[in-house]
Protein backbone atom coordinates (compact mmCIF):
# COMPACT_ATOMS: atom_id res chain seq x y z
CA MET A 1 0.28 0.08 -0.02
CA ALA A 2 1.00 3.50 -0.87
CA ASP A 3 2.06 6.03 2.23
CA ILE A 4 -0.84 8.23 1.95
CA SER A 5 1.29 11.19 3.17
CA SER A 6 3.39 10.84 0.29
CA LEU A 7 0.19 11.13 -2.07
CA VAL A 8 -1.36 14.21 -3.73
CA LYS A 9 -5.25 14.25 -3.89
CA GLU A 10 -5.93 14.18 -8.01
CA GLU A 11 -10.00 14.24 -7.87
CA VAL A 12 -12.86 14.12 -6.03
CA HIS A 13 -15.60 12.36 -6.68
CA CYS A 14 -19.55 12.55 -5.39
CA VAL A 15 -21.60 8.68 -5.32
CA THR A 16 -25.26 10.24 -6.83
CA GLY A 17 -27.85 8.14 -8.43
CA ILE A 18 -27.61 4.72 -7.56
CA GLN A 19 -30.46 3.09 -6.17
CA GLY A 20 -28.95 0.98 -2.78
CA SER A 21 -25.27 0.32 -2.73
CA ALA A 22 -22.69 -0.99 -5.86
CA ARG A 23 -19.42 -2.52 -5.99
CA LEU A 24 -16.50 0.17 -5.92
CA GLN A 25 -14.11 -1.34 -8.74
CA ASP A 26 -17.65 -1.64 -10.86
CA TYR A 27 -19.01 1.60 -9.99
CA ALA A 28 -15.53 3.61 -10.47
CA LEU A 29 -15.18 2.72 -13.76
CA GLY A 30 -15.29 5.71 -15.68
CA LYS A 31 -16.09 8.15 -12.49
CA PHE A 32 -12.39 9.21 -12.56
CA ILE A 33 -10.48 11.48 -15.28
CA SER A 34 -7.15 9.31 -14.14
CA CYS A 35 -8.55 5.89 -14.62
CA THR A 36 -8.82 5.44 -18.58
CA SER A 37 -9.59 1.61 -17.94
CA ASN A 38 -10.92 -1.04 -15.65
CA ASN A 39 -7.70 -2.26 -15.38
CA ALA A 40 -6.48 1.07 -14.74
CA VAL A 41 -9.23 1.18 -11.82
CA LYS A 42 -8.43 -2.22 -10.27
CA LYS A 43 -4.46 -1.20 -10.29
CA ALA A 44 -5.74 2.58 -8.44
CA ILE A 45 -7.37 0.51 -5.80
CA LYS A 46 -4.72 -2.40 -4.93
CA LYS A 47 -2.75 0.40 -4.98
CA GLY A 48 -4.25 2.37 -1.86
CA LEU A 49 -4.95 4.93 -4.32
CA VAL A 50 -8.96 4.93 -4.39
CA PHE A 51 -10.44 6.29 -0.80
CA ILE A 52 -13.97 6.26 0.39
CA ASN A 53 -15.15 9.10 2.68
CA ASP A 54 -11.29 8.98 4.12
CA LYS A 55 -11.16 5.20 4.73
CA ARG A 56 -8.87 3.27 2.13
CA GLY A 57 -11.38 1.66 -0.62
CA TYR A 58 -11.13 -2.21 -1.40
CA THR A 59 -12.21 -3.50 -4.75
CA ALA A 60 -15.02 -5.48 -2.47
CA ASP A 61 -15.95 -2.05 -0.66
CA TRP A 62 -19.57 -1.27 -1.29
CA VAL A 63 -20.24 2.87 -1.76
CA LYS A 64 -23.97 3.95 -1.86
CA ASP A 65 -25.43 7.96 -2.70
CA GLY A 66 -23.52 10.69 -1.00
CA ASP A 67 -20.44 8.38 -0.57
CA GLU A 68 -17.55 10.89 -1.58
CA LEU A 69 -14.31 9.09 -3.56
CA VAL A 70 -10.66 10.56 -3.35
CA LEU A 71 -8.60 9.63 -5.80
CA TYR A 72 -5.43 9.89 -4.87
CA LYS A 73 -1.98 9.62 -7.77
CA GLU A 74 1.91 9.21 -6.70
CA PRO A 75 4.90 11.41 -7.06
CA ILE A 76 6.23 11.64 -10.04
CA LYS A 77 10.03 9.56 -9.70
CA HIS A 78 10.99 10.31 -12.90
CA GLN A 79 10.32 11.28 -16.66
CA LYS A 80 9.46 8.61 -18.86
CA LYS A 81 12.55 8.04 -21.45
CA THR A 82 11.33 7.87 -25.31
CA VAL A 83 13.18 5.61 -27.72
CA ASP A 84 13.49 6.35 -31.73
CA LEU A 85 12.11 3.32 -33.63
CA ASP A 86 10.80 3.43 -37.25
CA PHE A 87 7.13 2.84 -37.61
CA GLN A 88 4.55 3.89 -39.47
CA VAL A 89 1.76 6.89 -38.08
CA LEU A 90 -1.04 5.52 -40.30
CA TYR A 91 -4.55 7.69 -38.95
CA GLU A 92 -4.06 10.86 -36.35
CA ASP A 93 -5.99 14.20 -34.84
CA ASP A 94 -6.01 15.84 -31.66
CA TYR A 95 -7.54 13.19 -29.14
CA LEU A 96 -6.19 9.82 -31.18
CA ALA A 97 -3.88 8.26 -33.77
CA VAL A 98 -3.59 4.06 -35.16
CA VAL A 99 -0.05 3.49 -35.87
CA ASN A 100 1.83 0.32 -37.89
CA LYS A 101 3.89 -1.65 -34.79
CA PRO A 102 6.73 -3.51 -36.03
CA ALA A 103 7.68 -7.28 -35.66
CA GLY A 104 10.23 -7.53 -32.81
CA VAL A 105 8.69 -4.58 -30.29
CA LEU A 106 6.79 -4.72 -27.47
CA VAL A 107 3.83 -2.17 -27.30
CA SER A 108 4.56 -1.32 -23.76
CA GLY A 109 6.36 -2.79 -20.30
CA ASN A 110 9.25 -2.34 -18.49
CA LYS A 111 11.27 -2.59 -21.05
CA HIS A 112 13.00 0.21 -22.49
CA ARG A 113 12.05 -0.17 -26.02
CA THR A 114 8.65 -0.25 -26.61
CA LEU A 115 6.49 1.03 -29.24
CA GLU A 116 4.70 3.12 -26.23
CA ASN A 117 7.73 4.83 -25.37
CA ALA A 118 8.55 5.82 -29.20
CA LEU A 119 4.80 7.49 -29.68
CA PRO A 120 5.95 11.15 -28.02
CA LYS A 121 8.77 11.40 -30.87
CA LYS A 122 6.45 10.13 -33.51
CA LEU A 123 3.31 11.50 -32.72
CA LYS A 124 1.58 15.42 -32.62
CA LYS A 125 1.34 16.83 -29.25
CA SER A 126 -2.18 17.60 -28.51
CA LYS A 127 -3.74 20.94 -28.13
CA LYS A 128 -6.41 19.68 -25.78
CA SER A 129 -6.38 20.72 -22.23
CA ASP A 130 -6.32 17.39 -21.22
CA VAL A 131 -3.46 16.07 -23.44
CA VAL A 132 -1.52 13.09 -21.67
CA SER A 133 1.56 11.54 -22.89
CA PRO A 134 0.39 9.19 -25.66
CA GLU A 135 -1.05 5.58 -24.64
CA PRO A 136 -1.85 2.15 -26.55
CA ILE A 137 -5.48 0.72 -25.63
CA HIS A 138 -4.49 -2.13 -26.86
CA ARG A 139 -2.06 -4.80 -27.59
CA LEU A 140 -0.24 -6.88 -29.86
CA ASP A 141 1.90 -9.86 -29.69
CA TYR A 142 6.34 -9.13 -29.83
CA PRO A 143 6.34 -11.00 -32.74
CA THR A 144 2.79 -9.42 -34.44
CA THR A 145 2.63 -6.72 -36.76
CA GLY A 146 -0.08 -4.26 -37.37
CA ILE A 147 -2.51 -1.97 -35.96
CA VAL A 148 -2.35 -0.29 -32.65
CA LEU A 149 -4.87 2.45 -31.67
CA ILE A 150 -3.61 5.03 -29.55
CA GLY A 151 -4.99 7.65 -26.74
CA LYS A 152 -3.39 11.29 -26.85
CA THR A 153 -6.06 12.50 -24.12
CA ARG A 154 -7.46 11.22 -20.47
CA GLN A 155 -10.79 11.57 -22.25
CA ALA A 156 -9.88 9.80 -25.36
CA LEU A 157 -8.24 6.80 -23.59
CA VAL A 158 -11.64 6.76 -21.30
CA LYS A 159 -13.82 6.68 -23.88
CA LEU A 160 -11.41 4.09 -26.25
CA ASN A 161 -11.74 1.71 -23.40
CA GLN A 162 -14.97 2.22 -22.87
CA LEU A 163 -15.38 1.14 -26.49
CA PHE A 164 -13.29 -1.96 -26.50
CA GLU A 165 -14.79 -2.61 -23.51
CA ASN A 166 -18.28 -3.30 -24.87
CA ARG A 167 -16.50 -4.79 -28.18
CA ASP A 168 -17.46 -2.04 -30.20
CA ILE A 169 -14.33 -1.95 -32.66
CA GLN A 170 -13.66 -4.69 -35.34
CA LYS A 171 -10.49 -5.99 -35.72
CA LYS A 172 -9.46 -7.60 -38.79
CA TYR A 173 -5.94 -9.75 -39.28
CA LEU A 174 -3.98 -11.36 -41.82
CA ALA A 175 -2.16 -14.42 -41.47
CA ILE A 176 0.04 -17.43 -43.30
CA THR A 177 -1.37 -21.06 -41.69
CA ILE A 178 0.08 -24.07 -42.94
CA GLY A 179 -1.34 -27.82 -43.93
CA HIS A 180 -4.90 -28.49 -45.47
CA GLN A 181 -7.65 -25.40 -43.88
CA ASN A 182 -11.21 -25.65 -44.51
CA LYS A 183 -12.46 -22.65 -46.37
CA THR A 184 -14.14 -20.68 -43.49
CA GLY A 185 -15.03 -21.64 -40.05
CA ILE A 186 -15.31 -20.14 -36.79
CA ILE A 187 -13.19 -21.65 -33.31
CA GLU A 188 -15.03 -21.10 -30.08
CA GLU A 189 -12.34 -22.83 -27.93
CA ASP A 190 -11.63 -21.76 -24.10
CA ILE A 191 -8.35 -19.42 -23.15
CA ASP A 192 -7.43 -19.81 -19.86
CA GLY A 193 -10.81 -21.11 -18.53
CA LYS A 194 -11.95 -18.18 -20.79
CA LEU A 195 -14.48 -18.04 -23.75
CA ALA A 196 -13.02 -17.10 -26.54
CA LYS A 197 -14.03 -16.95 -30.14
CA SER A 198 -12.30 -16.56 -33.63
CA ALA A 199 -13.69 -16.85 -37.29
CA TYR A 200 -11.56 -17.74 -40.71
CA SER A 201 -11.79 -16.99 -44.19
CA VAL A 202 -9.63 -18.85 -46.61
CA LEU A 203 -8.54 -15.96 -49.25
CA SER A 204 -5.79 -17.99 -51.58
CA ILE A 205 -3.85 -21.41 -51.17
CA VAL A 206 -0.45 -22.17 -52.55
CA GLU A 207 1.27 -25.36 -52.80
CA SER A 208 4.62 -25.85 -50.82
CA GLU A 209 7.29 -28.75 -50.81
CA ARG A 210 7.89 -28.38 -46.96
CA PHE A 211 4.51 -27.43 -45.44
CA LEU A 212 2.15 -29.55 -48.36
CA PHE A 213 -0.19 -26.10 -48.31
CA LEU A 214 0.35 -21.83 -47.17
CA ASN A 215 -2.96 -20.11 -46.53
CA LEU A 216 -3.91 -16.63 -46.90
CA VAL A 217 -5.98 -16.37 -44.42
CA GLU A 218 -8.77 -13.50 -42.64
CA LEU A 219 -8.90 -13.75 -39.44
CA ASP A 220 -12.34 -11.78 -37.13
CA LEU A 221 -11.27 -11.62 -33.38
CA PHE A 222 -14.47 -11.60 -30.95
CA THR A 223 -12.80 -11.86 -28.04
CA GLY A 224 -9.23 -10.45 -26.93
CA ARG A 225 -7.79 -13.42 -25.28
CA ARG A 226 -3.90 -13.79 -25.01
CA HIS A 227 -1.85 -15.22 -28.43
CA GLN A 228 -5.61 -16.07 -29.26
CA LEU A 229 -5.70 -16.36 -32.54
CA ARG A 230 -2.07 -18.27 -32.36
CA LYS A 231 -3.81 -21.13 -30.07
CA HIS A 232 -6.95 -20.92 -31.86
CA LEU A 233 -5.36 -21.73 -35.41
CA SER A 234 -2.78 -24.10 -34.18
CA GLY A 235 -5.54 -25.74 -31.95
CA ILE A 236 -7.40 -26.96 -35.15
CA GLY A 237 -4.41 -28.02 -36.80
CA ASN A 238 -3.04 -25.23 -39.03
CA PRO A 239 -0.62 -22.86 -36.89
CA ILE A 240 0.56 -20.42 -38.25
CA LEU A 241 4.07 -20.15 -40.23
CA GLY A 242 6.66 -18.89 -38.43
CA ASP A 243 4.92 -19.86 -34.88
CA ALA A 244 8.09 -21.08 -32.47
CA GLU A 245 5.40 -21.62 -29.72
CA TYR A 246 2.05 -23.10 -31.14
CA GLY A 247 3.62 -24.49 -34.40
CA LYS A 248 4.19 -28.24 -35.48
CA GLU A 249 7.33 -29.60 -34.64
CA GLY A 250 9.81 -30.17 -37.73
CA LEU A 251 7.65 -27.30 -39.46
CA ILE A 252 8.82 -24.15 -37.51
CA LEU A 253 9.75 -21.33 -40.58
CA LYS A 254 12.99 -19.59 -38.46
CA GLY A 255 14.06 -16.92 -39.32
CA LYS A 256 11.56 -14.84 -41.24
CA GLY A 257 9.55 -14.41 -37.39
CA LEU A 258 5.45 -14.70 -37.15
CA TYR A 259 2.81 -14.44 -40.33
CA LEU A 260 0.58 -12.81 -38.88
CA HIS A 261 -0.40 -8.98 -38.92
CA ALA A 262 -3.19 -6.42 -37.92
CA CYS A 263 -4.79 -4.95 -40.86
CA GLN A 264 -8.18 -3.45 -40.29
CA ILE A 265 -9.74 -1.30 -37.35
CA SER A 266 -13.24 -0.56 -37.59
CA PHE A 267 -15.31 2.11 -34.99
CA VAL A 268 -17.04 5.05 -34.96
CA HIS A 269 -15.00 7.90 -33.84
CA PRO A 270 -15.63 8.57 -30.01
CA PHE A 271 -15.58 12.29 -30.15
CA THR A 272 -16.37 13.22 -34.13
CA ASN A 273 -19.39 10.47 -34.63
CA GLU A 274 -17.16 9.77 -37.74
CA SER A 275 -17.13 5.68 -38.84
CA LEU A 276 -13.68 5.19 -39.37
CA THR A 277 -12.12 2.20 -41.24
CA ILE A 278 -8.29 2.14 -41.36
CA TYR A 279 -6.03 -0.77 -43.35
CA SER A 280 -2.29 -1.19 -42.66
CA GLU A 281 -0.62 -3.29 -45.69
CA PRO A 282 0.75 -6.15 -44.35
CA PRO A 283 4.73 -6.61 -44.83
CA LYS A 284 6.92 -7.80 -47.51
CA LYS A 285 7.40 -11.10 -46.73
CA PHE A 286 3.45 -12.13 -46.71
CA LYS A 287 3.81 -10.83 -50.66
CA GLN A 288 6.85 -13.37 -50.97
CA ILE A 289 4.11 -15.75 -50.48
CA PHE A 290 1.23 -14.21 -52.34
CA PRO A 291 2.13 -11.61 -54.75
CA GLU A 292 -2.28 -10.74 -55.26
CA ILE A 293 -2.01 -9.66 -51.62
CA SER A 294 -3.13 -6.30 -51.22
CA PHE A 295 -5.64 -4.44 -48.44
CA VAL A 296 -8.61 -6.42 -47.21
CA LYS A 297 -11.32 -4.71 -47.81
């Protein structure tokens, strides 16, 4: 728990509009501008940064009308270091951005060389009053390439996280898989005890001396479990080309990386109400196997 004497009061919220009571963790989501996602709320509560009527709040505590919630923040220990990375900005305005993550880069984390640490140098600073350091809304695996959505203001982070939690953001992926594969299919196999659903459609097939068949596959993600597409495709016997973790023994292509690319994202802009669909061309290595490949529309 954080030492309250070292904390700074950041936001105060008075509980209103609920009948009976509500769990703190559920109620607090969206009430504090600084906590832009359910994970951020949980983390703040667990760190002892949320108080109910001057007493430390816990995730299972209940709140009722008239209660005062206070969010504290820890003092800034050091300025975040930035890093230079070469990647494409696909869309940008004062609220959000969409960027193209290269392979072999973490989206965020404790490492220095992450996409998040490269964003301040690559993106334009928002002119909005609630500007923050650009922050990724979701993740892609270390070897996966393609689209990552970025928030540039506090309100944008809140609203974009809500879109994801409500499944109002649609994403498509391209992959090259190994072996004979049905033309279309839906995969519903739990991952880590949680519901996981993916759909695929085979766009093109080439014969291969080593792999028998290589398939260009378009994928729709209905849930966002860790390594979901990689696990689902491996589970039906069609692992993704270059997948060292979930590939078939003796059929793992080395030195070319993973053939999985986040190629499209669609959502309604939370501030302009514009319907956006943004595309990302797959890496050149895809086109070496399927020369005709371009945007999936």
